[in-house]
Amino acid sequence: ADICADVQKRGDAALIEYTNRFDGT
């Protein structure tokens, strides 16, 4: 729920942040 709300609010910035955090990119 937190991730979905954050992506909905911050868009690309949140997507990049979570991808780097969870996938080690």
PDBML (XML) file of the C-alpha atoms, coordinates in Angstrom:
<?xml version="1.0" encoding="UTF-8" ?>
<PDBx:datablock datablockName="MODEL"
   xmlns:PDBx="http://pdbml.pdb.org/schema/pdbx-v50.xsd"
   xmlns:xsi="http://www.w3.org/2001/XMLSchema-instance"
   xsi:schemaLocation="http://pdbml.pdb.org/schema/pdbx-v50.xsd pdbx-v50.xsd">
   <PDBx:atom_siteCategory>
      <PDBx:atom_site id="1">
         <PDBx:B_iso_or_equiv>0.00</PDBx:B_iso_or_equiv>
         <PDBx:Cartn_x>0.000</PDBx:Cartn_x>
         <PDBx:Cartn_y>0.000</PDBx:Cartn_y>
         <PDBx:Cartn_z>0.000</PDBx:Cartn_z>
         <PDBx:auth_asym_id>A</PDBx:auth_asym_id>
         <PDBx:auth_atom_id>CA</PDBx:auth_atom_id>
         <PDBx:auth_comp_id>ALA</PDBx:auth_comp_id>
         <PDBx:auth_seq_id>1</PDBx:auth_seq_id>
         <PDBx:group_PDB>ATOM</PDBx:group_PDB>
         <PDBx:label_alt_id xsi:nil="true" />
         <PDBx:label_asym_id>A</PDBx:label_asym_id>
         <PDBx:label_atom_id>CA</PDBx:label_atom_id>
         <PDBx:label_comp_id>ALA</PDBx:label_comp_id>
         <PDBx:label_entity_id>1</PDBx:label_entity_id>
         <PDBx:label_seq_id>1</PDBx:label_seq_id>
         <PDBx:occupancy>1.00</PDBx:occupancy>
         <PDBx:pdbx_PDB_model_num>1</PDBx:pdbx_PDB_model_num>
         <PDBx:type_symbol>C</PDBx:type_symbol>
      </PDBx:atom_site>
      <PDBx:atom_site id="2">
         <PDBx:B_iso_or_equiv>0.00</PDBx:B_iso_or_equiv>
         <PDBx:Cartn_x>2.828</PDBx:Cartn_x>
         <PDBx:Cartn_y>2.404</PDBx:Cartn_y>
         <PDBx:Cartn_z>0.856</PDBx:Cartn_z>
         <PDBx:auth_asym_id>A</PDBx:auth_asym_id>
         <PDBx:auth_atom_id>CA</PDBx:auth_atom_id>
         <PDBx:auth_comp_id>ASP</PDBx:auth_comp_id>
         <PDBx:auth_seq_id>2</PDBx:auth_seq_id>
         <PDBx:group_PDB>ATOM</PDBx:group_PDB>
         <PDBx:label_alt_id xsi:nil="true" />
         <PDBx:label_asym_id>A</PDBx:label_asym_id>
         <PDBx:label_atom_id>CA</PDBx:label_atom_id>
         <PDBx:label_comp_id>ASP</PDBx:label_comp_id>
         <PDBx:label_entity_id>1</PDBx:label_entity_id>
         <PDBx:label_seq_id>2</PDBx:label_seq_id>
         <PDBx:occupancy>1.00</PDBx:occupancy>
         <PDBx:pdbx_PDB_model_num>1</PDBx:pdbx_PDB_model_num>
         <PDBx:type_symbol>C</PDBx:type_symbol>
      </PDBx:atom_site>
      <PDBx:atom_site id="3">
         <PDBx:B_iso_or_equiv>0.00</PDBx:B_iso_or_equiv>
         <PDBx:Cartn_x>4.725</PDBx:Cartn_x>
         <PDBx:Cartn_y>1.616</PDBx:Cartn_y>
         <PDBx:Cartn_z>-2.351</PDBx:Cartn_z>
         <PDBx:auth_asym_id>A</PDBx:auth_asym_id>
         <PDBx:auth_atom_id>CA</PDBx:auth_atom_id>
         <PDBx:auth_comp_id>ILE</PDBx:auth_comp_id>
         <PDBx:auth_seq_id>3</PDBx:auth_seq_id>
         <PDBx:group_PDB>ATOM</PDBx:group_PDB>
         <PDBx:label_alt_id xsi:nil="true" />
         <PDBx:label_asym_id>A</PDBx:label_asym_id>
         <PDBx:label_atom_id>CA</PDBx:label_atom_id>
         <PDBx:label_comp_id>ILE</PDBx:label_comp_id>
         <PDBx:label_entity_id>1</PDBx:label_entity_id>
         <PDBx:label_seq_id>3</PDBx:label_seq_id>
         <PDBx:occupancy>1.00</PDBx:occupancy>
         <PDBx:pdbx_PDB_model_num>1</PDBx:pdbx_PDB_model_num>
         <PDBx:type_symbol>C</PDBx:type_symbol>
      </PDBx:atom_site>
      <PDBx:atom_site id="4">
         <PDBx:B_iso_or_equiv>0.00</PDBx:B_iso_or_equiv>
         <PDBx:Cartn_x>1.652</PDBx:Cartn_x>
         <PDBx:Cartn_y>2.019</PDBx:Cartn_y>
         <PDBx:Cartn_z>-4.546</PDBx:Cartn_z>
         <PDBx:auth_asym_id>A</PDBx:auth_asym_id>
         <PDBx:auth_atom_id>CA</PDBx:auth_atom_id>
         <PDBx:auth_comp_id>CYS</PDBx:auth_comp_id>
         <PDBx:auth_seq_id>4</PDBx:auth_seq_id>
         <PDBx:group_PDB>ATOM</PDBx:group_PDB>
         <PDBx:label_alt_id xsi:nil="true" />
         <PDBx:label_asym_id>A</PDBx:label_asym_id>
         <PDBx:label_atom_id>CA</PDBx:label_atom_id>
         <PDBx:label_comp_id>CYS</PDBx:label_comp_id>
         <PDBx:label_entity_id>1</PDBx:label_entity_id>
         <PDBx:label_seq_id>4</PDBx:label_seq_id>
         <PDBx:occupancy>1.00</PDBx:occupancy>
         <PDBx:pdbx_PDB_model_num>1</PDBx:pdbx_PDB_model_num>
         <PDBx:type_symbol>C</PDBx:type_symbol>
      </PDBx:atom_site>
      <PDBx:atom_site id="5">
         <PDBx:B_iso_or_equiv>0.00</PDBx:B_iso_or_equiv>
         <PDBx:Cartn_x>0.730</PDBx:Cartn_x>
         <PDBx:Cartn_y>5.332</PDBx:Cartn_y>
         <PDBx:Cartn_z>-2.924</PDBx:Cartn_z>
         <PDBx:auth_asym_id>A</PDBx:auth_asym_id>
         <PDBx:auth_atom_id>CA</PDBx:auth_atom_id>
         <PDBx:auth_comp_id>ALA</PDBx:auth_comp_id>
         <PDBx:auth_seq_id>5</PDBx:auth_seq_id>
         <PDBx:group_PDB>ATOM</PDBx:group_PDB>
         <PDBx:label_alt_id xsi:nil="true" />
         <PDBx:label_asym_id>A</PDBx:label_asym_id>
         <PDBx:label_atom_id>CA</PDBx:label_atom_id>
         <PDBx:label_comp_id>ALA</PDBx:label_comp_id>
         <PDBx:label_entity_id>1</PDBx:label_entity_id>
         <PDBx:label_seq_id>5</PDBx:label_seq_id>
         <PDBx:occupancy>1.00</PDBx:occupancy>
         <PDBx:pdbx_PDB_model_num>1</PDBx:pdbx_PDB_model_num>
         <PDBx:type_symbol>C</PDBx:type_symbol>
      </PDBx:atom_site>
      <PDBx:atom_site id="6">
         <PDBx:B_iso_or_equiv>0.00</PDBx:B_iso_or_equiv>
         <PDBx:Cartn_x>4.288</PDBx:Cartn_x>
         <PDBx:Cartn_y>6.617</PDBx:Cartn_y>
         <PDBx:Cartn_z>-3.314</PDBx:Cartn_z>
         <PDBx:auth_asym_id>A</PDBx:auth_asym_id>
         <PDBx:auth_atom_id>CA</PDBx:auth_atom_id>
         <PDBx:auth_comp_id>ASP</PDBx:auth_comp_id>
         <PDBx:auth_seq_id>6</PDBx:auth_seq_id>
         <PDBx:group_PDB>ATOM</PDBx:group_PDB>
         <PDBx:label_alt_id xsi:nil="true" />
         <PDBx:label_asym_id>A</PDBx:label_asym_id>
         <PDBx:label_atom_id>CA</PDBx:label_atom_id>
         <PDBx:label_comp_id>ASP</PDBx:label_comp_id>
         <PDBx:label_entity_id>1</PDBx:label_entity_id>
         <PDBx:label_seq_id>6</PDBx:label_seq_id>
         <PDBx:occupancy>1.00</PDBx:occupancy>
         <PDBx:pdbx_PDB_model_num>1</PDBx:pdbx_PDB_model_num>
         <PDBx:type_symbol>C</PDBx:type_symbol>
      </PDBx:atom_site>
      <PDBx:atom_site id="7">
         <PDBx:B_iso_or_equiv>0.00</PDBx:B_iso_or_equiv>
         <PDBx:Cartn_x>4.495</PDBx:Cartn_x>
         <PDBx:Cartn_y>5.661</PDBx:Cartn_y>
         <PDBx:Cartn_z>-6.999</PDBx:Cartn_z>
         <PDBx:auth_asym_id>A</PDBx:auth_asym_id>
         <PDBx:auth_atom_id>CA</PDBx:auth_atom_id>
         <PDBx:auth_comp_id>VAL</PDBx:auth_comp_id>
         <PDBx:auth_seq_id>7</PDBx:auth_seq_id>
         <PDBx:group_PDB>ATOM</PDBx:group_PDB>
         <PDBx:label_alt_id xsi:nil="true" />
         <PDBx:label_asym_id>A</PDBx:label_asym_id>
         <PDBx:label_atom_id>CA</PDBx:label_atom_id>
         <PDBx:label_comp_id>VAL</PDBx:label_comp_id>
         <PDBx:label_entity_id>1</PDBx:label_entity_id>
         <PDBx:label_seq_id>7</PDBx:label_seq_id>
         <PDBx:occupancy>1.00</PDBx:occupancy>
         <PDBx:pdbx_PDB_model_num>1</PDBx:pdbx_PDB_model_num>
         <PDBx:type_symbol>C</PDBx:type_symbol>
      </PDBx:atom_site>
      <PDBx:atom_site id="8">
         <PDBx:B_iso_or_equiv>0.00</PDBx:B_iso_or_equiv>
         <PDBx:Cartn_x>1.102</PDBx:Cartn_x>
         <PDBx:Cartn_y>7.252</PDBx:Cartn_y>
         <PDBx:Cartn_z>-7.597</PDBx:Cartn_z>
         <PDBx:auth_asym_id>A</PDBx:auth_asym_id>
         <PDBx:auth_atom_id>CA</PDBx:auth_atom_id>
         <PDBx:auth_comp_id>GLN</PDBx:auth_comp_id>
         <PDBx:auth_seq_id>8</PDBx:auth_seq_id>
         <PDBx:group_PDB>ATOM</PDBx:group_PDB>
         <PDBx:label_alt_id xsi:nil="true" />
         <PDBx:label_asym_id>A</PDBx:label_asym_id>
         <PDBx:label_atom_id>CA</PDBx:label_atom_id>
         <PDBx:label_comp_id>GLN</PDBx:label_comp_id>
         <PDBx:label_entity_id>1</PDBx:label_entity_id>
         <PDBx:label_seq_id>8</PDBx:label_seq_id>
         <PDBx:occupancy>1.00</PDBx:occupancy>
         <PDBx:pdbx_PDB_model_num>1</PDBx:pdbx_PDB_model_num>
         <PDBx:type_symbol>C</PDBx:type_symbol>
      </PDBx:atom_site>
      <PDBx:atom_site id="9">
         <PDBx:B_iso_or_equiv>0.00</PDBx:B_iso_or_equiv>
         <PDBx:Cartn_x>2.338</PDBx:Cartn_x>
         <PDBx:Cartn_y>10.457</PDBx:Cartn_y>
         <PDBx:Cartn_z>-5.952</PDBx:Cartn_z>
         <PDBx:auth_asym_id>A</PDBx:auth_asym_id>
         <PDBx:auth_atom_id>CA</PDBx:auth_atom_id>
         <PDBx:auth_comp_id>LYS</PDBx:auth_comp_id>
         <PDBx:auth_seq_id>9</PDBx:auth_seq_id>
         <PDBx:group_PDB>ATOM</PDBx:group_PDB>
         <PDBx:label_alt_id xsi:nil="true" />
         <PDBx:label_asym_id>A</PDBx:label_asym_id>
         <PDBx:label_atom_id>CA</PDBx:label_atom_id>
         <PDBx:label_comp_id>LYS</PDBx:label_comp_id>
         <PDBx:label_entity_id>1</PDBx:label_entity_id>
         <PDBx:label_seq_id>9</PDBx:label_seq_id>
         <PDBx:occupancy>1.00</PDBx:occupancy>
         <PDBx:pdbx_PDB_model_num>1</PDBx:pdbx_PDB_model_num>
         <PDBx:type_symbol>C</PDBx:type_symbol>
      </PDBx:atom_site>
      <PDBx:atom_site id="10">
         <PDBx:B_iso_or_equiv>0.00</PDBx:B_iso_or_equiv>
         <PDBx:Cartn_x>5.957</PDBx:Cartn_x>
         <PDBx:Cartn_y>10.732</PDBx:Cartn_y>
         <PDBx:Cartn_z>-7.132</PDBx:Cartn_z>
         <PDBx:auth_asym_id>A</PDBx:auth_asym_id>
         <PDBx:auth_atom_id>CA</PDBx:auth_atom_id>
         <PDBx:auth_comp_id>ARG</PDBx:auth_comp_id>
         <PDBx:auth_seq_id>10</PDBx:auth_seq_id>
         <PDBx:group_PDB>ATOM</PDBx:group_PDB>
         <PDBx:label_alt_id xsi:nil="true" />
         <PDBx:label_asym_id>A</PDBx:label_asym_id>
         <PDBx:label_atom_id>CA</PDBx:label_atom_id>
         <PDBx:label_comp_id>ARG</PDBx:label_comp_id>
         <PDBx:label_entity_id>1</PDBx:label_entity_id>
         <PDBx:label_seq_id>10</PDBx:label_seq_id>
         <PDBx:occupancy>1.00</PDBx:occupancy>
         <PDBx:pdbx_PDB_model_num>1</PDBx:pdbx_PDB_model_num>
         <PDBx:type_symbol>C</PDBx:type_symbol>
      </PDBx:atom_site>
      <PDBx:atom_site id="11">
         <PDBx:B_iso_or_equiv>0.00</PDBx:B_iso_or_equiv>
         <PDBx:Cartn_x>5.886</PDBx:Cartn_x>
         <PDBx:Cartn_y>8.788</PDBx:Cartn_y>
         <PDBx:Cartn_z>-10.393</PDBx:Cartn_z>
         <PDBx:auth_asym_id>A</PDBx:auth_asym_id>
         <PDBx:auth_atom_id>CA</PDBx:auth_atom_id>
         <PDBx:auth_comp_id>GLY</PDBx:auth_comp_id>
         <PDBx:auth_seq_id>11</PDBx:auth_seq_id>
         <PDBx:group_PDB>ATOM</PDBx:group_PDB>
         <PDBx:label_alt_id xsi:nil="true" />
         <PDBx:label_asym_id>A</PDBx:label_asym_id>
         <PDBx:label_atom_id>CA</PDBx:label_atom_id>
         <PDBx:label_comp_id>GLY</PDBx:label_comp_id>
         <PDBx:label_entity_id>1</PDBx:label_entity_id>
         <PDBx:label_seq_id>11</PDBx:label_seq_id>
         <PDBx:occupancy>1.00</PDBx:occupancy>
         <PDBx:pdbx_PDB_model_num>1</PDBx:pdbx_PDB_model_num>
         <PDBx:type_symbol>C</PDBx:type_symbol>
      </PDBx:atom_site>
      <PDBx:atom_site id="12">
         <PDBx:B_iso_or_equiv>0.00</PDBx:B_iso_or_equiv>
         <PDBx:Cartn_x>9.229</PDBx:Cartn_x>
         <PDBx:Cartn_y>8.123</PDBx:Cartn_y>
         <PDBx:Cartn_z>-12.087</PDBx:Cartn_z>
         <PDBx:auth_asym_id>A</PDBx:auth_asym_id>
         <PDBx:auth_atom_id>CA</PDBx:auth_atom_id>
         <PDBx:auth_comp_id>ASP</PDBx:auth_comp_id>
         <PDBx:auth_seq_id>12</PDBx:auth_seq_id>
         <PDBx:group_PDB>ATOM</PDBx:group_PDB>
         <PDBx:label_alt_id xsi:nil="true" />
         <PDBx:label_asym_id>A</PDBx:label_asym_id>
         <PDBx:label_atom_id>CA</PDBx:label_atom_id>
         <PDBx:label_comp_id>ASP</PDBx:label_comp_id>
         <PDBx:label_entity_id>1</PDBx:label_entity_id>
         <PDBx:label_seq_id>12</PDBx:label_seq_id>
         <PDBx:occupancy>1.00</PDBx:occupancy>
         <PDBx:pdbx_PDB_model_num>1</PDBx:pdbx_PDB_model_num>
         <PDBx:type_symbol>C</PDBx:type_symbol>
      </PDBx:atom_site>
      <PDBx:atom_site id="13">
         <PDBx:B_iso_or_equiv>0.00</PDBx:B_iso_or_equiv>
         <PDBx:Cartn_x>11.267</PDBx:Cartn_x>
         <PDBx:Cartn_y>9.291</PDBx:Cartn_y>
         <PDBx:Cartn_z>-9.090</PDBx:Cartn_z>
         <PDBx:auth_asym_id>A</PDBx:auth_asym_id>
         <PDBx:auth_atom_id>CA</PDBx:auth_atom_id>
         <PDBx:auth_comp_id>ALA</PDBx:auth_comp_id>
         <PDBx:auth_seq_id>13</PDBx:auth_seq_id>
         <PDBx:group_PDB>ATOM</PDBx:group_PDB>
         <PDBx:label_alt_id xsi:nil="true" />
         <PDBx:label_asym_id>A</PDBx:label_asym_id>
         <PDBx:label_atom_id>CA</PDBx:label_atom_id>
         <PDBx:label_comp_id>ALA</PDBx:label_comp_id>
         <PDBx:label_entity_id>1</PDBx:label_entity_id>
         <PDBx:label_seq_id>13</PDBx:label_seq_id>
         <PDBx:occupancy>1.00</PDBx:occupancy>
         <PDBx:pdbx_PDB_model_num>1</PDBx:pdbx_PDB_model_num>
         <PDBx:type_symbol>C</PDBx:type_symbol>
      </PDBx:atom_site>
      <PDBx:atom_site id="14">
         <PDBx:B_iso_or_equiv>0.00</PDBx:B_iso_or_equiv>
         <PDBx:Cartn_x>9.678</PDBx:Cartn_x>
         <PDBx:Cartn_y>6.688</PDBx:Cartn_y>
         <PDBx:Cartn_z>-6.813</PDBx:Cartn_z>
         <PDBx:auth_asym_id>A</PDBx:auth_asym_id>
         <PDBx:auth_atom_id>CA</PDBx:auth_atom_id>
         <PDBx:auth_comp_id>ALA</PDBx:auth_comp_id>
         <PDBx:auth_seq_id>14</PDBx:auth_seq_id>
         <PDBx:group_PDB>ATOM</PDBx:group_PDB>
         <PDBx:label_alt_id xsi:nil="true" />
         <PDBx:label_asym_id>A</PDBx:label_asym_id>
         <PDBx:label_atom_id>CA</PDBx:label_atom_id>
         <PDBx:label_comp_id>ALA</PDBx:label_comp_id>
         <PDBx:label_entity_id>1</PDBx:label_entity_id>
         <PDBx:label_seq_id>14</PDBx:label_seq_id>
         <PDBx:occupancy>1.00</PDBx:occupancy>
         <PDBx:pdbx_PDB_model_num>1</PDBx:pdbx_PDB_model_num>
         <PDBx:type_symbol>C</PDBx:type_symbol>
      </PDBx:atom_site>
      <PDBx:atom_site id="15">
         <PDBx:B_iso_or_equiv>0.00</PDBx:B_iso_or_equiv>
         <PDBx:Cartn_x>9.978</PDBx:Cartn_x>
         <PDBx:Cartn_y>4.003</PDBx:Cartn_y>
         <PDBx:Cartn_z>-9.484</PDBx:Cartn_z>
         <PDBx:auth_asym_id>A</PDBx:auth_asym_id>
         <PDBx:auth_atom_id>CA</PDBx:auth_atom_id>
         <PDBx:auth_comp_id>LEU</PDBx:auth_comp_id>
         <PDBx:auth_seq_id>15</PDBx:auth_seq_id>
         <PDBx:group_PDB>ATOM</PDBx:group_PDB>
         <PDBx:label_alt_id xsi:nil="true" />
         <PDBx:label_asym_id>A</PDBx:label_asym_id>
         <PDBx:label_atom_id>CA</PDBx:label_atom_id>
         <PDBx:label_comp_id>LEU</PDBx:label_comp_id>
         <PDBx:label_entity_id>1</PDBx:label_entity_id>
         <PDBx:label_seq_id>15</PDBx:label_seq_id>
         <PDBx:occupancy>1.00</PDBx:occupancy>
         <PDBx:pdbx_PDB_model_num>1</PDBx:pdbx_PDB_model_num>
         <PDBx:type_symbol>C</PDBx:type_symbol>
      </PDBx:atom_site>
      <PDBx:atom_site id="16">
         <PDBx:B_iso_or_equiv>0.00</PDBx:B_iso_or_equiv>
         <PDBx:Cartn_x>13.710</PDBx:Cartn_x>
         <PDBx:Cartn_y>4.645</PDBx:Cartn_y>
         <PDBx:Cartn_z>-9.881</PDBx:Cartn_z>
         <PDBx:auth_asym_id>A</PDBx:auth_asym_id>
         <PDBx:auth_atom_id>CA</PDBx:auth_atom_id>
         <PDBx:auth_comp_id>ILE</PDBx:auth_comp_id>
         <PDBx:auth_seq_id>16</PDBx:auth_seq_id>
         <PDBx:group_PDB>ATOM</PDBx:group_PDB>
         <PDBx:label_alt_id xsi:nil="true" />
         <PDBx:label_asym_id>A</PDBx:label_asym_id>
         <PDBx:label_atom_id>CA</PDBx:label_atom_id>
         <PDBx:label_comp_id>ILE</PDBx:label_comp_id>
         <PDBx:label_entity_id>1</PDBx:label_entity_id>
         <PDBx:label_seq_id>16</PDBx:label_seq_id>
         <PDBx:occupancy>1.00</PDBx:occupancy>
         <PDBx:pdbx_PDB_model_num>1</PDBx:pdbx_PDB_model_num>
         <PDBx:type_symbol>C</PDBx:type_symbol>
      </PDBx:atom_site>
      <PDBx:atom_site id="17">
         <PDBx:B_iso_or_equiv>0.00</PDBx:B_iso_or_equiv>
         <PDBx:Cartn_x>14.248</PDBx:Cartn_x>
         <PDBx:Cartn_y>4.713</PDBx:Cartn_y>
         <PDBx:Cartn_z>-6.113</PDBx:Cartn_z>
         <PDBx:auth_asym_id>A</PDBx:auth_asym_id>
         <PDBx:auth_atom_id>CA</PDBx:auth_atom_id>
         <PDBx:auth_comp_id>GLU</PDBx:auth_comp_id>
         <PDBx:auth_seq_id>17</PDBx:auth_seq_id>
         <PDBx:group_PDB>ATOM</PDBx:group_PDB>
         <PDBx:label_alt_id xsi:nil="true" />
         <PDBx:label_asym_id>A</PDBx:label_asym_id>
         <PDBx:label_atom_id>CA</PDBx:label_atom_id>
         <PDBx:label_comp_id>GLU</PDBx:label_comp_id>
         <PDBx:label_entity_id>1</PDBx:label_entity_id>
         <PDBx:label_seq_id>17</PDBx:label_seq_id>
         <PDBx:occupancy>1.00</PDBx:occupancy>
         <PDBx:pdbx_PDB_model_num>1</PDBx:pdbx_PDB_model_num>
         <PDBx:type_symbol>C</PDBx:type_symbol>
      </PDBx:atom_site>
      <PDBx:atom_site id="18">
         <PDBx:B_iso_or_equiv>0.00</PDBx:B_iso_or_equiv>
         <PDBx:Cartn_x>12.474</PDBx:Cartn_x>
         <PDBx:Cartn_y>1.410</PDBx:Cartn_y>
         <PDBx:Cartn_z>-5.447</PDBx:Cartn_z>
         <PDBx:auth_asym_id>A</PDBx:auth_asym_id>
         <PDBx:auth_atom_id>CA</PDBx:auth_atom_id>
         <PDBx:auth_comp_id>TYR</PDBx:auth_comp_id>
         <PDBx:auth_seq_id>18</PDBx:auth_seq_id>
         <PDBx:group_PDB>ATOM</PDBx:group_PDB>
         <PDBx:label_alt_id xsi:nil="true" />
         <PDBx:label_asym_id>A</PDBx:label_asym_id>
         <PDBx:label_atom_id>CA</PDBx:label_atom_id>
         <PDBx:label_comp_id>TYR</PDBx:label_comp_id>
         <PDBx:label_entity_id>1</PDBx:label_entity_id>
         <PDBx:label_seq_id>18</PDBx:label_seq_id>
         <PDBx:occupancy>1.00</PDBx:occupancy>
         <PDBx:pdbx_PDB_model_num>1</PDBx:pdbx_PDB_model_num>
         <PDBx:type_symbol>C</PDBx:type_symbol>
      </PDBx:atom_site>
      <PDBx:atom_site id="19">
         <PDBx:B_iso_or_equiv>0.00</PDBx:B_iso_or_equiv>
         <PDBx:Cartn_x>14.125</PDBx:Cartn_x>
         <PDBx:Cartn_y>-0.310</PDBx:Cartn_y>
         <PDBx:Cartn_z>-8.395</PDBx:Cartn_z>
         <PDBx:auth_asym_id>A</PDBx:auth_asym_id>
         <PDBx:auth_atom_id>CA</PDBx:auth_atom_id>
         <PDBx:auth_comp_id>THR</PDBx:auth_comp_id>
         <PDBx:auth_seq_id>19</PDBx:auth_seq_id>
         <PDBx:group_PDB>ATOM</PDBx:group_PDB>
         <PDBx:label_alt_id xsi:nil="true" />
         <PDBx:label_asym_id>A</PDBx:label_asym_id>
         <PDBx:label_atom_id>CA</PDBx:label_atom_id>
         <PDBx:label_comp_id>THR</PDBx:label_comp_id>
         <PDBx:label_entity_id>1</PDBx:label_entity_id>
         <PDBx:label_seq_id>19</PDBx:label_seq_id>
         <PDBx:occupancy>1.00</PDBx:occupancy>
         <PDBx:pdbx_PDB_model_num>1</PDBx:pdbx_PDB_model_num>
         <PDBx:type_symbol>C</PDBx:type_symbol>
      </PDBx:atom_site>
      <PDBx:atom_site id="20">
         <PDBx:B_iso_or_equiv>0.00</PDBx:B_iso_or_equiv>
         <PDBx:Cartn_x>17.582</PDBx:Cartn_x>
         <PDBx:Cartn_y>0.691</PDBx:Cartn_y>
         <PDBx:Cartn_z>-7.190</PDBx:Cartn_z>
         <PDBx:auth_asym_id>A</PDBx:auth_asym_id>
         <PDBx:auth_atom_id>CA</PDBx:auth_atom_id>
         <PDBx:auth_comp_id>ASN</PDBx:auth_comp_id>
         <PDBx:auth_seq_id>20</PDBx:auth_seq_id>
         <PDBx:group_PDB>ATOM</PDBx:group_PDB>
         <PDBx:label_alt_id xsi:nil="true" />
         <PDBx:label_asym_id>A</PDBx:label_asym_id>
         <PDBx:label_atom_id>CA</PDBx:label_atom_id>
         <PDBx:label_comp_id>ASN</PDBx:label_comp_id>
         <PDBx:label_entity_id>1</PDBx:label_entity_id>
         <PDBx:label_seq_id>20</PDBx:label_seq_id>
         <PDBx:occupancy>1.00</PDBx:occupancy>
         <PDBx:pdbx_PDB_model_num>1</PDBx:pdbx_PDB_model_num>
         <PDBx:type_symbol>C</PDBx:type_symbol>
      </PDBx:atom_site>
      <PDBx:atom_site id="21">
         <PDBx:B_iso_or_equiv>0.00</PDBx:B_iso_or_equiv>
         <PDBx:Cartn_x>16.734</PDBx:Cartn_x>
         <PDBx:Cartn_y>-0.377</PDBx:Cartn_y>
         <PDBx:Cartn_z>-3.634</PDBx:Cartn_z>
         <PDBx:auth_asym_id>A</PDBx:auth_asym_id>
         <PDBx:auth_atom_id>CA</PDBx:auth_atom_id>
         <PDBx:auth_comp_id>ARG</PDBx:auth_comp_id>
         <PDBx:auth_seq_id>21</PDBx:auth_seq_id>
         <PDBx:group_PDB>ATOM</PDBx:group_PDB>
         <PDBx:label_alt_id xsi:nil="true" />
         <PDBx:label_asym_id>A</PDBx:label_asym_id>
         <PDBx:label_atom_id>CA</PDBx:label_atom_id>
         <PDBx:label_comp_id>ARG</PDBx:label_comp_id>
         <PDBx:label_entity_id>1</PDBx:label_entity_id>
         <PDBx:label_seq_id>21</PDBx:label_seq_id>
         <PDBx:occupancy>1.00</PDBx:occupancy>
         <PDBx:pdbx_PDB_model_num>1</PDBx:pdbx_PDB_model_num>
         <PDBx:type_symbol>C</PDBx:type_symbol>
      </PDBx:atom_site>
      <PDBx:atom_site id="22">
         <PDBx:B_iso_or_equiv>0.00</PDBx:B_iso_or_equiv>
         <PDBx:Cartn_x>15.126</PDBx:Cartn_x>
         <PDBx:Cartn_y>-3.735</PDBx:Cartn_y>
         <PDBx:Cartn_z>-4.328</PDBx:Cartn_z>
         <PDBx:auth_asym_id>A</PDBx:auth_asym_id>
         <PDBx:auth_atom_id>CA</PDBx:auth_atom_id>
         <PDBx:auth_comp_id>PHE</PDBx:auth_comp_id>
         <PDBx:auth_seq_id>22</PDBx:auth_seq_id>
         <PDBx:group_PDB>ATOM</PDBx:group_PDB>
         <PDBx:label_alt_id xsi:nil="true" />
         <PDBx:label_asym_id>A</PDBx:label_asym_id>
         <PDBx:label_atom_id>CA</PDBx:label_atom_id>
         <PDBx:label_comp_id>PHE</PDBx:label_comp_id>
         <PDBx:label_entity_id>1</PDBx:label_entity_id>
         <PDBx:label_seq_id>22</PDBx:label_seq_id>
         <PDBx:occupancy>1.00</PDBx:occupancy>
         <PDBx:pdbx_PDB_model_num>1</PDBx:pdbx_PDB_model_num>
         <PDBx:type_symbol>C</PDBx:type_symbol>
      </PDBx:atom_site>
      <PDBx:atom_site id="23">
         <PDBx:B_iso_or_equiv>0.00</PDBx:B_iso_or_equiv>
         <PDBx:Cartn_x>16.966</PDBx:Cartn_x>
         <PDBx:Cartn_y>-4.840</PDBx:Cartn_y>
         <PDBx:Cartn_z>-7.479</PDBx:Cartn_z>
         <PDBx:auth_asym_id>A</PDBx:auth_asym_id>
         <PDBx:auth_atom_id>CA</PDBx:auth_atom_id>
         <PDBx:auth_comp_id>ASP</PDBx:auth_comp_id>
         <PDBx:auth_seq_id>23</PDBx:auth_seq_id>
         <PDBx:group_PDB>ATOM</PDBx:group_PDB>
         <PDBx:label_alt_id xsi:nil="true" />
         <PDBx:label_asym_id>A</PDBx:label_asym_id>
         <PDBx:label_atom_id>CA</PDBx:label_atom_id>
         <PDBx:label_comp_id>ASP</PDBx:label_comp_id>
         <PDBx:label_entity_id>1</PDBx:label_entity_id>
         <PDBx:label_seq_id>23</PDBx:label_seq_id>
         <PDBx:occupancy>1.00</PDBx:occupancy>
         <PDBx:pdbx_PDB_model_num>1</PDBx:pdbx_PDB_model_num>
         <PDBx:type_symbol>C</PDBx:type_symbol>
      </PDBx:atom_site>
      <PDBx:atom_site id="24">
         <PDBx:B_iso_or_equiv>0.00</PDBx:B_iso_or_equiv>
         <PDBx:Cartn_x>20.406</PDBx:Cartn_x>
         <PDBx:Cartn_y>-3.489</PDBx:Cartn_y>
         <PDBx:Cartn_z>-6.653</PDBx:Cartn_z>
         <PDBx:auth_asym_id>A</PDBx:auth_asym_id>
         <PDBx:auth_atom_id>CA</PDBx:auth_atom_id>
         <PDBx:auth_comp_id>GLY</PDBx:auth_comp_id>
         <PDBx:auth_seq_id>24</PDBx:auth_seq_id>
         <PDBx:group_PDB>ATOM</PDBx:group_PDB>
         <PDBx:label_alt_id xsi:nil="true" />
         <PDBx:label_asym_id>A</PDBx:label_asym_id>
         <PDBx:label_atom_id>CA</PDBx:label_atom_id>
         <PDBx:label_comp_id>GLY</PDBx:label_comp_id>
         <PDBx:label_entity_id>1</PDBx:label_entity_id>
         <PDBx:label_seq_id>24</PDBx:label_seq_id>
         <PDBx:occupancy>1.00</PDBx:occupancy>
         <PDBx:pdbx_PDB_model_num>1</PDBx:pdbx_PDB_model_num>
         <PDBx:type_symbol>C</PDBx:type_symbol>
      </PDBx:atom_site>
      <PDBx:atom_site id="25">
         <PDBx:B_iso_or_equiv>0.00</PDBx:B_iso_or_equiv>
         <PDBx:Cartn_x>20.553</PDBx:Cartn_x>
         <PDBx:Cartn_y>-1.349</PDBx:Cartn_y>
         <PDBx:Cartn_z>-9.769</PDBx:Cartn_z>
         <PDBx:auth_asym_id>A</PDBx:auth_asym_id>
         <PDBx:auth_atom_id>CA</PDBx:auth_atom_id>
         <PDBx:auth_comp_id>THR</PDBx:auth_comp_id>
         <PDBx:auth_seq_id>25</PDBx:auth_seq_id>
         <PDBx:group_PDB>ATOM</PDBx:group_PDB>
         <PDBx:label_alt_id xsi:nil="true" />
         <PDBx:label_asym_id>A</PDBx:label_asym_id>
         <PDBx:label_atom_id>CA</PDBx:label_atom_id>
         <PDBx:label_comp_id>THR</PDBx:label_comp_id>
         <PDBx:label_entity_id>1</PDBx:label_entity_id>
         <PDBx:label_seq_id>25</PDBx:label_seq_id>
         <PDBx:occupancy>1.00</PDBx:occupancy>
         <PDBx:pdbx_PDB_model_num>1</PDBx:pdbx_PDB_model_num>
         <PDBx:type_symbol>C</PDBx:type_symbol>
      </PDBx:atom_site>
   </PDBx:atom_siteCategory>
</PDBx:datablock>
